[in-house]
């Protein structure tokens, strides 16, 4: 499993959408669920 943590975010919005992706040569990189 992979865990991603963000601490202290600032933005023009109050949400950061984070999507895990796999880097696959010569193909479209698959994307997994967005948090």
ModelCIF file with pLDDT and N, C-alpha, C, O atoms, coordinates in Angstrom:
data_MODEL
#
_entry.id   MODEL 
#
_entity.id                         1 
_entity.type                       polymer 
_entity.pdbx_number_of_molecules   1 
#
_entity_poly.entity_id                      1 
_entity_poly.type                           'polypeptide(L)' 
_entity_poly.nstd_linkage                   no 
_entity_poly.nstd_monomer                   no 
_entity_poly.pdbx_seq_one_letter_code       
;(UNK)(UNK)(UNK)(UNK)(UNK)(UNK)(UNK)(UNK)(UNK)(UNK)(UNK)(UNK)(UNK)(UNK)(UNK)(UNK)
(UNK)(UNK)(UNK)(UNK)(UNK)(UNK)(UNK)(UNK)(UNK)(UNK)(UNK)(UNK)(UNK)(UNK)(UNK)(UNK)
(UNK)(UNK)(UNK)
;
_entity_poly.pdbx_seq_one_letter_code_can   XXXXXXXXXXXXXXXXXXXXXXXXXXXXXXXXXXX 
_entity_poly.pdbx_strand_id                 A 
#
loop_
_entity_poly_seq.entity_id 
_entity_poly_seq.num 
_entity_poly_seq.mon_id 
_entity_poly_seq.hetero 
1 1  UNK n 
1 2  UNK n 
1 3  UNK n 
1 4  UNK n 
1 5  UNK n 
1 6  UNK n 
1 7  UNK n 
1 8  UNK n 
1 9  UNK n 
1 10 UNK n 
1 11 UNK n 
1 12 UNK n 
1 13 UNK n 
1 14 UNK n 
1 15 UNK n 
1 16 UNK n 
1 17 UNK n 
1 18 UNK n 
1 19 UNK n 
1 20 UNK n 
1 21 UNK n 
1 22 UNK n 
1 23 UNK n 
1 24 UNK n 
1 25 UNK n 
1 26 UNK n 
1 27 UNK n 
1 28 UNK n 
1 29 UNK n 
1 30 UNK n 
1 31 UNK n 
1 32 UNK n 
1 33 UNK n 
1 34 UNK n 
1 35 UNK n 
#
_struct_asym.id          A 
_struct_asym.entity_id   1 
#
loop_
_ma_qa_metric.id 
_ma_qa_metric.mode 
_ma_qa_metric.name 
_ma_qa_metric.software_group_id 
_ma_qa_metric.type 
1 global pLDDT . pLDDT 
2 local  pLDDT . pLDDT 
#
_ma_qa_metric_global.metric_id      1 
_ma_qa_metric_global.metric_value   96.51 
_ma_qa_metric_global.model_id       1 
_ma_qa_metric_global.ordinal_id     1 
#
loop_
_ma_qa_metric_local.label_asym_id 
_ma_qa_metric_local.label_comp_id 
_ma_qa_metric_local.label_seq_id 
_ma_qa_metric_local.metric_id 
_ma_qa_metric_local.metric_value 
_ma_qa_metric_local.model_id 
_ma_qa_metric_local.ordinal_id 
A UNK 1  2 97.00 1 1  
A UNK 2  2 98.00 1 2  
A UNK 3  2 98.00 1 3  
A UNK 4  2 98.00 1 4  
A UNK 5  2 98.00 1 5  
A UNK 6  2 98.00 1 6  
A UNK 7  2 98.00 1 7  
A UNK 8  2 98.00 1 8  
A UNK 9  2 98.00 1 9  
A UNK 10 2 97.00 1 10 
A UNK 11 2 95.00 1 11 
A UNK 12 2 92.00 1 12 
A UNK 13 2 93.00 1 13 
A UNK 14 2 94.00 1 14 
A UNK 15 2 95.00 1 15 
A UNK 16 2 96.00 1 16 
A UNK 17 2 96.00 1 17 
A UNK 18 2 97.00 1 18 
A UNK 19 2 97.00 1 19 
A UNK 20 2 98.00 1 20 
A UNK 21 2 98.00 1 21 
A UNK 22 2 98.00 1 22 
A UNK 23 2 97.00 1 23 
A UNK 24 2 97.00 1 24 
A UNK 25 2 96.00 1 25 
A UNK 26 2 96.00 1 26 
A UNK 27 2 96.00 1 27 
A UNK 28 2 96.00 1 28 
A UNK 29 2 97.00 1 29 
A UNK 30 2 96.00 1 30 
A UNK 31 2 95.00 1 31 
A UNK 32 2 96.00 1 32 
A UNK 33 2 95.00 1 33 
A UNK 34 2 97.00 1 34 
A UNK 35 2 97.00 1 35 
#
loop_
_atom_site.group_PDB 
_atom_site.id 
_atom_site.type_symbol 
_atom_site.label_atom_id 
_atom_site.label_alt_id 
_atom_site.label_comp_id 
_atom_site.label_asym_id 
_atom_site.label_entity_id 
_atom_site.label_seq_id 
_atom_site.pdbx_PDB_ins_code 
_atom_site.Cartn_x 
_atom_site.Cartn_y 
_atom_site.Cartn_z 
_atom_site.occupancy 
_atom_site.B_iso_or_equiv 
_atom_site.pdbx_formal_charge 
_atom_site.auth_seq_id 
_atom_site.auth_comp_id 
_atom_site.auth_asym_id 
_atom_site.auth_atom_id 
_atom_site.pdbx_PDB_model_num 
ATOM 1   N N  . UNK A 1 1  ? 0.822   -1.207 0.000   1.00 97.00 ? 1  UNK A N  1 
ATOM 2   C CA . UNK A 1 1  ? 0.000   0.000  0.000   1.00 97.00 ? 1  UNK A CA 1 
ATOM 3   C C  . UNK A 1 1  ? 0.858   1.259  0.000   1.00 97.00 ? 1  UNK A C  1 
ATOM 4   O O  . UNK A 1 1  ? 2.032   1.227  0.370   1.00 97.00 ? 1  UNK A O  1 
ATOM 5   N N  . UNK A 1 2  ? 0.261   2.357  -0.416  1.00 98.00 ? 2  UNK A N  1 
ATOM 6   C CA . UNK A 1 2  ? 0.912   3.665  -0.452  1.00 98.00 ? 2  UNK A CA 1 
ATOM 7   C C  . UNK A 1 2  ? 0.069   4.639  0.361   1.00 98.00 ? 2  UNK A C  1 
ATOM 8   O O  . UNK A 1 2  ? -1.151  4.693  0.206   1.00 98.00 ? 2  UNK A O  1 
ATOM 9   N N  . UNK A 1 3  ? 0.725   5.411  1.230   1.00 98.00 ? 3  UNK A N  1 
ATOM 10  C CA . UNK A 1 3  ? 0.044   6.443  2.013   1.00 98.00 ? 3  UNK A CA 1 
ATOM 11  C C  . UNK A 1 3  ? 0.688   7.786  1.697   1.00 98.00 ? 3  UNK A C  1 
ATOM 12  O O  . UNK A 1 3  ? 1.913   7.909  1.696   1.00 98.00 ? 3  UNK A O  1 
ATOM 13  N N  . UNK A 1 4  ? -0.137  8.791  1.430   1.00 98.00 ? 4  UNK A N  1 
ATOM 14  C CA . UNK A 1 4  ? 0.337   10.142 1.162   1.00 98.00 ? 4  UNK A CA 1 
ATOM 15  C C  . UNK A 1 4  ? -0.283  11.063 2.201   1.00 98.00 ? 4  UNK A C  1 
ATOM 16  O O  . UNK A 1 4  ? -1.490  11.024 2.440   1.00 98.00 ? 4  UNK A O  1 
ATOM 17  N N  . UNK A 1 5  ? 0.569   11.906 2.825   1.00 98.00 ? 5  UNK A N  1 
ATOM 18  C CA . UNK A 1 5  ? 0.121   12.859 3.837   1.00 98.00 ? 5  UNK A CA 1 
ATOM 19  C C  . UNK A 1 5  ? 0.546   14.273 3.454   1.00 98.00 ? 5  UNK A C  1 
ATOM 20  O O  . UNK A 1 5  ? 1.684   14.496 3.041   1.00 98.00 ? 5  UNK A O  1 
ATOM 21  N N  . UNK A 1 6  ? -0.364  15.215 3.592   1.00 98.00 ? 6  UNK A N  1 
ATOM 22  C CA . UNK A 1 6  ? -0.068  16.638 3.410   1.00 98.00 ? 6  UNK A CA 1 
ATOM 23  C C  . UNK A 1 6  ? -0.280  17.335 4.755   1.00 98.00 ? 6  UNK A C  1 
ATOM 24  O O  . UNK A 1 6  ? -1.311  17.142 5.399   1.00 98.00 ? 6  UNK A O  1 
ATOM 25  N N  . UNK A 1 7  ? 0.690   18.140 5.177   1.00 98.00 ? 7  UNK A N  1 
ATOM 26  C CA . UNK A 1 7  ? 0.559   18.924 6.404   1.00 98.00 ? 7  UNK A CA 1 
ATOM 27  C C  . UNK A 1 7  ? 0.683   20.399 6.063   1.00 98.00 ? 7  UNK A C  1 
ATOM 28  O O  . UNK A 1 7  ? 1.638   20.817 5.408   1.00 98.00 ? 7  UNK A O  1 
ATOM 29  N N  . UNK A 1 8  ? -0.287  21.181 6.510   1.00 98.00 ? 8  UNK A N  1 
ATOM 30  C CA . UNK A 1 8  ? -0.347  22.628 6.332   1.00 98.00 ? 8  UNK A CA 1 
ATOM 31  C C  . UNK A 1 8  ? -0.438  23.008 4.852   1.00 98.00 ? 8  UNK A C  1 
ATOM 32  O O  . UNK A 1 8  ? 0.567   23.299 4.203   1.00 98.00 ? 8  UNK A O  1 
ATOM 33  N N  . UNK A 1 9  ? -1.657  22.998 4.344   1.00 98.00 ? 9  UNK A N  1 
ATOM 34  C CA . UNK A 1 9  ? -1.927  23.337 2.943   1.00 98.00 ? 9  UNK A CA 1 
ATOM 35  C C  . UNK A 1 9  ? -2.460  24.760 2.824   1.00 98.00 ? 9  UNK A C  1 
ATOM 36  O O  . UNK A 1 9  ? -3.214  25.221 3.681   1.00 98.00 ? 9  UNK A O  1 
ATOM 37  N N  . UNK A 1 10 ? -2.069  25.447 1.767   1.00 97.00 ? 10 UNK A N  1 
ATOM 38  C CA . UNK A 1 10 ? -2.667  26.731 1.408   1.00 97.00 ? 10 UNK A CA 1 
ATOM 39  C C  . UNK A 1 10 ? -2.929  26.732 -0.091  1.00 97.00 ? 10 UNK A C  1 
ATOM 40  O O  . UNK A 1 10 ? -2.151  26.197 -0.881  1.00 97.00 ? 10 UNK A O  1 
ATOM 41  N N  . UNK A 1 11 ? -4.052  27.351 -0.458  1.00 95.00 ? 11 UNK A N  1 
ATOM 42  C CA . UNK A 1 11 ? -4.470  27.323 -1.854  1.00 95.00 ? 11 UNK A CA 1 
ATOM 43  C C  . UNK A 1 11 ? -5.574  28.344 -2.050  1.00 95.00 ? 11 UNK A C  1 
ATOM 44  O O  . UNK A 1 11 ? -6.056  28.929 -1.079  1.00 95.00 ? 11 UNK A O  1 
ATOM 45  N N  . UNK A 1 12 ? -5.979  28.564 -3.285  1.00 92.00 ? 12 UNK A N  1 
ATOM 46  C CA . UNK A 1 12 ? -7.130  29.394 -3.577  1.00 92.00 ? 12 UNK A CA 1 
ATOM 47  C C  . UNK A 1 12 ? -8.426  28.660 -3.287  1.00 92.00 ? 12 UNK A C  1 
ATOM 48  O O  . UNK A 1 12 ? -9.510  29.233 -3.398  1.00 92.00 ? 12 UNK A O  1 
ATOM 49  N N  . UNK A 1 13 ? -8.317  27.403 -2.917  1.00 93.00 ? 13 UNK A N  1 
ATOM 50  C CA . UNK A 1 13 ? -9.457  26.552 -2.617  1.00 93.00 ? 13 UNK A CA 1 
ATOM 51  C C  . UNK A 1 13 ? -9.218  25.942 -1.235  1.00 93.00 ? 13 UNK A C  1 
ATOM 52  O O  . UNK A 1 13 ? -8.141  26.122 -0.666  1.00 93.00 ? 13 UNK A O  1 
ATOM 53  N N  . UNK A 1 14 ? -10.179 25.242 -0.699  1.00 94.00 ? 14 UNK A N  1 
ATOM 54  C CA . UNK A 1 14 ? -9.983  24.578 0.595   1.00 94.00 ? 14 UNK A CA 1 
ATOM 55  C C  . UNK A 1 14 ? -9.940  23.064 0.441   1.00 94.00 ? 14 UNK A C  1 
ATOM 56  O O  . UNK A 1 14 ? -10.234 22.323 1.379   1.00 94.00 ? 14 UNK A O  1 
ATOM 57  N N  . UNK A 1 15 ? -9.567  22.612 -0.759  1.00 95.00 ? 15 UNK A N  1 
ATOM 58  C CA . UNK A 1 15 ? -9.432  21.183 -1.010  1.00 95.00 ? 15 UNK A CA 1 
ATOM 59  C C  . UNK A 1 15 ? -8.252  20.940 -1.954  1.00 95.00 ? 15 UNK A C  1 
ATOM 60  O O  . UNK A 1 15 ? -8.026  21.691 -2.904  1.00 95.00 ? 15 UNK A O  1 
ATOM 61  N N  . UNK A 1 16 ? -7.518  19.883 -1.668  1.00 96.00 ? 16 UNK A N  1 
ATOM 62  C CA . UNK A 1 16 ? -6.443  19.438 -2.560  1.00 96.00 ? 16 UNK A CA 1 
ATOM 63  C C  . UNK A 1 16 ? -6.807  18.032 -3.028  1.00 96.00 ? 16 UNK A C  1 
ATOM 64  O O  . UNK A 1 16 ? -6.936  17.120 -2.211  1.00 96.00 ? 16 UNK A O  1 
ATOM 65  N N  . UNK A 1 17 ? -6.971  17.857 -4.319  1.00 96.00 ? 17 UNK A N  1 
ATOM 66  C CA . UNK A 1 17 ? -7.279  16.537 -4.869  1.00 96.00 ? 17 UNK A CA 1 
ATOM 67  C C  . UNK A 1 17 ? -5.982  15.846 -5.260  1.00 96.00 ? 17 UNK A C  1 
ATOM 68  O O  . UNK A 1 17 ? -5.209  16.359 -6.069  1.00 96.00 ? 17 UNK A O  1 
ATOM 69  N N  . UNK A 1 18 ? -5.754  14.669 -4.674  1.00 97.00 ? 18 UNK A N  1 
ATOM 70  C CA . UNK A 1 18 ? -4.507  13.927 -4.843  1.00 97.00 ? 18 UNK A CA 1 
ATOM 71  C C  . UNK A 1 18 ? -4.820  12.593 -5.504  1.00 97.00 ? 18 UNK A C  1 
ATOM 72  O O  . UNK A 1 18 ? -5.630  11.816 -4.998  1.00 97.00 ? 18 UNK A O  1 
ATOM 73  N N  . UNK A 1 19 ? -4.175  12.331 -6.637  1.00 97.00 ? 19 UNK A N  1 
ATOM 74  C CA . UNK A 1 19 ? -4.415  11.107 -7.397  1.00 97.00 ? 19 UNK A CA 1 
ATOM 75  C C  . UNK A 1 19 ? -3.121  10.322 -7.522  1.00 97.00 ? 19 UNK A C  1 
ATOM 76  O O  . UNK A 1 19 ? -2.120  10.852 -8.005  1.00 97.00 ? 19 UNK A O  1 
ATOM 77  N N  . UNK A 1 20 ? -3.127  9.059  -7.092  1.00 98.00 ? 20 UNK A N  1 
ATOM 78  C CA . UNK A 1 20 ? -1.971  8.183  -7.267  1.00 98.00 ? 20 UNK A CA 1 
ATOM 79  C C  . UNK A 1 20 ? -1.965  7.666  -8.699  1.00 98.00 ? 20 UNK A C  1 
ATOM 80  O O  . UNK A 1 20 ? -3.002  7.267  -9.231  1.00 98.00 ? 20 UNK A O  1 
ATOM 81  N N  . UNK A 1 21 ? -0.772  7.678  -9.327  1.00 98.00 ? 21 UNK A N  1 
ATOM 82  C CA . UNK A 1 21 ? -0.633  7.196  -10.700 1.00 98.00 ? 21 UNK A CA 1 
ATOM 83  C C  . UNK A 1 21 ? 0.581   6.291  -10.801 1.00 98.00 ? 21 UNK A C  1 
ATOM 84  O O  . UNK A 1 21 ? 1.528   6.413  -10.025 1.00 98.00 ? 21 UNK A O  1 
ATOM 85  N N  . UNK A 1 22 ? 0.544   5.386  -11.759 1.00 98.00 ? 22 UNK A N  1 
ATOM 86  C CA . UNK A 1 22 ? 1.665   4.480  -12.027 1.00 98.00 ? 22 UNK A CA 1 
ATOM 87  C C  . UNK A 1 22 ? 2.295   4.896  -13.346 1.00 98.00 ? 22 UNK A C  1 
ATOM 88  O O  . UNK A 1 22 ? 1.599   5.054  -14.349 1.00 98.00 ? 22 UNK A O  1 
ATOM 89  N N  . UNK A 1 23 ? 3.604   5.073  -13.347 1.00 97.00 ? 23 UNK A N  1 
ATOM 90  C CA . UNK A 1 23 ? 4.345   5.494  -14.531 1.00 97.00 ? 23 UNK A CA 1 
ATOM 91  C C  . UNK A 1 23 ? 4.614   4.270  -15.403 1.00 97.00 ? 23 UNK A C  1 
ATOM 92  O O  . UNK A 1 23 ? 5.431   3.421  -15.047 1.00 97.00 ? 23 UNK A O  1 
ATOM 93  N N  . UNK A 1 24 ? 3.932   4.176  -16.539 1.00 97.00 ? 24 UNK A N  1 
ATOM 94  C CA . UNK A 1 24 ? 4.051   3.020  -17.433 1.00 97.00 ? 24 UNK A CA 1 
ATOM 95  C C  . UNK A 1 24 ? 4.599   3.507  -18.768 1.00 97.00 ? 24 UNK A C  1 
ATOM 96  O O  . UNK A 1 24 ? 4.000   4.370  -19.410 1.00 97.00 ? 24 UNK A O  1 
ATOM 97  N N  . UNK A 1 25 ? 5.730   2.958  -19.186 1.00 96.00 ? 25 UNK A N  1 
ATOM 98  C CA . UNK A 1 25 ? 6.354   3.362  -20.443 1.00 96.00 ? 25 UNK A CA 1 
ATOM 99  C C  . UNK A 1 25 ? 5.450   3.066  -21.645 1.00 96.00 ? 25 UNK A C  1 
ATOM 100 O O  . UNK A 1 25 ? 4.837   2.002  -21.730 1.00 96.00 ? 25 UNK A O  1 
ATOM 101 N N  . UNK A 1 26 ? 5.384   4.015  -22.555 1.00 96.00 ? 26 UNK A N  1 
ATOM 102 C CA . UNK A 1 26 ? 4.703   3.885  -23.839 1.00 96.00 ? 26 UNK A CA 1 
ATOM 103 C C  . UNK A 1 26 ? 3.208   3.576  -23.726 1.00 96.00 ? 26 UNK A C  1 
ATOM 104 O O  . UNK A 1 26 ? 2.617   3.014  -24.648 1.00 96.00 ? 26 UNK A O  1 
ATOM 105 N N  . UNK A 1 27 ? 2.596   3.945  -22.590 1.00 96.00 ? 27 UNK A N  1 
ATOM 106 C CA . UNK A 1 27 ? 1.164   3.763  -22.386 1.00 96.00 ? 27 UNK A CA 1 
ATOM 107 C C  . UNK A 1 27 ? 0.642   4.960  -21.594 1.00 96.00 ? 27 UNK A C  1 
ATOM 108 O O  . UNK A 1 27 ? 1.414   5.734  -21.029 1.00 96.00 ? 27 UNK A O  1 
ATOM 109 N N  . UNK A 1 28 ? -0.658  5.092  -21.566 1.00 96.00 ? 28 UNK A N  1 
ATOM 110 C CA . UNK A 1 28 ? -1.274  6.092  -20.701 1.00 96.00 ? 28 UNK A CA 1 
ATOM 111 C C  . UNK A 1 28 ? -1.123  5.588  -19.267 1.00 96.00 ? 28 UNK A C  1 
ATOM 112 O O  . UNK A 1 28 ? -1.459  4.443  -18.965 1.00 96.00 ? 28 UNK A O  1 
ATOM 113 N N  . UNK A 1 29 ? -0.618  6.447  -18.393 1.00 97.00 ? 29 UNK A N  1 
ATOM 114 C CA . UNK A 1 29 ? -0.411  6.043  -17.002 1.00 97.00 ? 29 UNK A CA 1 
ATOM 115 C C  . UNK A 1 29 ? -1.753  5.805  -16.315 1.00 97.00 ? 29 UNK A C  1 
ATOM 116 O O  . UNK A 1 29 ? -2.616  6.682  -16.314 1.00 97.00 ? 29 UNK A O  1 
ATOM 117 N N  . UNK A 1 30 ? -1.930  4.608  -15.725 1.00 96.00 ? 30 UNK A N  1 
ATOM 118 C CA . UNK A 1 30 ? -3.189  4.367  -15.001 1.00 96.00 ? 30 UNK A CA 1 
ATOM 119 C C  . UNK A 1 30 ? -3.279  5.295  -13.793 1.00 96.00 ? 30 UNK A C  1 
ATOM 120 O O  . UNK A 1 30 ? -2.275  5.598  -13.149 1.00 96.00 ? 30 UNK A O  1 
ATOM 121 N N  . UNK A 1 31 ? -4.493  5.737  -13.499 1.00 95.00 ? 31 UNK A N  1 
ATOM 122 C CA . UNK A 1 31 ? -4.687  6.540  -12.300 1.00 95.00 ? 31 UNK A CA 1 
ATOM 123 C C  . UNK A 1 31 ? -5.628  5.786  -11.381 1.00 95.00 ? 31 UNK A C  1 
ATOM 124 O O  . UNK A 1 31 ? -6.588  5.153  -11.819 1.00 95.00 ? 31 UNK A O  1 
ATOM 125 N N  . UNK A 1 32 ? -5.324  5.872  -10.098 1.00 96.00 ? 32 UNK A N  1 
ATOM 126 C CA . UNK A 1 32 ? -6.127  5.191  -9.090  1.00 96.00 ? 32 UNK A CA 1 
ATOM 127 C C  . UNK A 1 32 ? -6.996  6.239  -8.411  1.00 96.00 ? 32 UNK A C  1 
ATOM 128 O O  . UNK A 1 32 ? -6.946  7.409  -8.791  1.00 96.00 ? 32 UNK A O  1 
ATOM 129 N N  . UNK A 1 33 ? -7.764  5.866  -7.451  1.00 95.00 ? 33 UNK A N  1 
ATOM 130 C CA . UNK A 1 33 ? -8.740  6.790  -6.863  1.00 95.00 ? 33 UNK A CA 1 
ATOM 131 C C  . UNK A 1 33 ? -8.118  8.117  -6.430  1.00 95.00 ? 33 UNK A C  1 
ATOM 132 O O  . UNK A 1 33 ? -6.943  8.186  -6.071  1.00 95.00 ? 33 UNK A O  1 
ATOM 133 N N  . UNK A 1 34 ? -8.932  9.160  -6.474  1.00 97.00 ? 34 UNK A N  1 
ATOM 134 C CA . UNK A 1 34 ? -8.509  10.503 -6.071  1.00 97.00 ? 34 UNK A CA 1 
ATOM 135 C C  . UNK A 1 34 ? -9.004  10.765 -4.657  1.00 97.00 ? 34 UNK A C  1 
ATOM 136 O O  . UNK A 1 34 ? -10.174 10.548 -4.343  1.00 97.00 ? 34 UNK A O  1 
ATOM 137 N N  . UNK A 1 35 ? -8.096  11.235 -3.810  1.00 97.00 ? 35 UNK A N  1 
ATOM 138 C CA . UNK A 1 35 ? -8.443  11.597 -2.434  1.00 97.00 ? 35 UNK A CA 1 
ATOM 139 C C  . UNK A 1 35 ? -8.592  13.108 -2.351  1.00 97.00 ? 35 UNK A C  1 
ATOM 140 O O  . UNK A 1 35 ? -8.884  13.642 -1.280  1.00 97.00 ? 35 UNK A O  1 
#
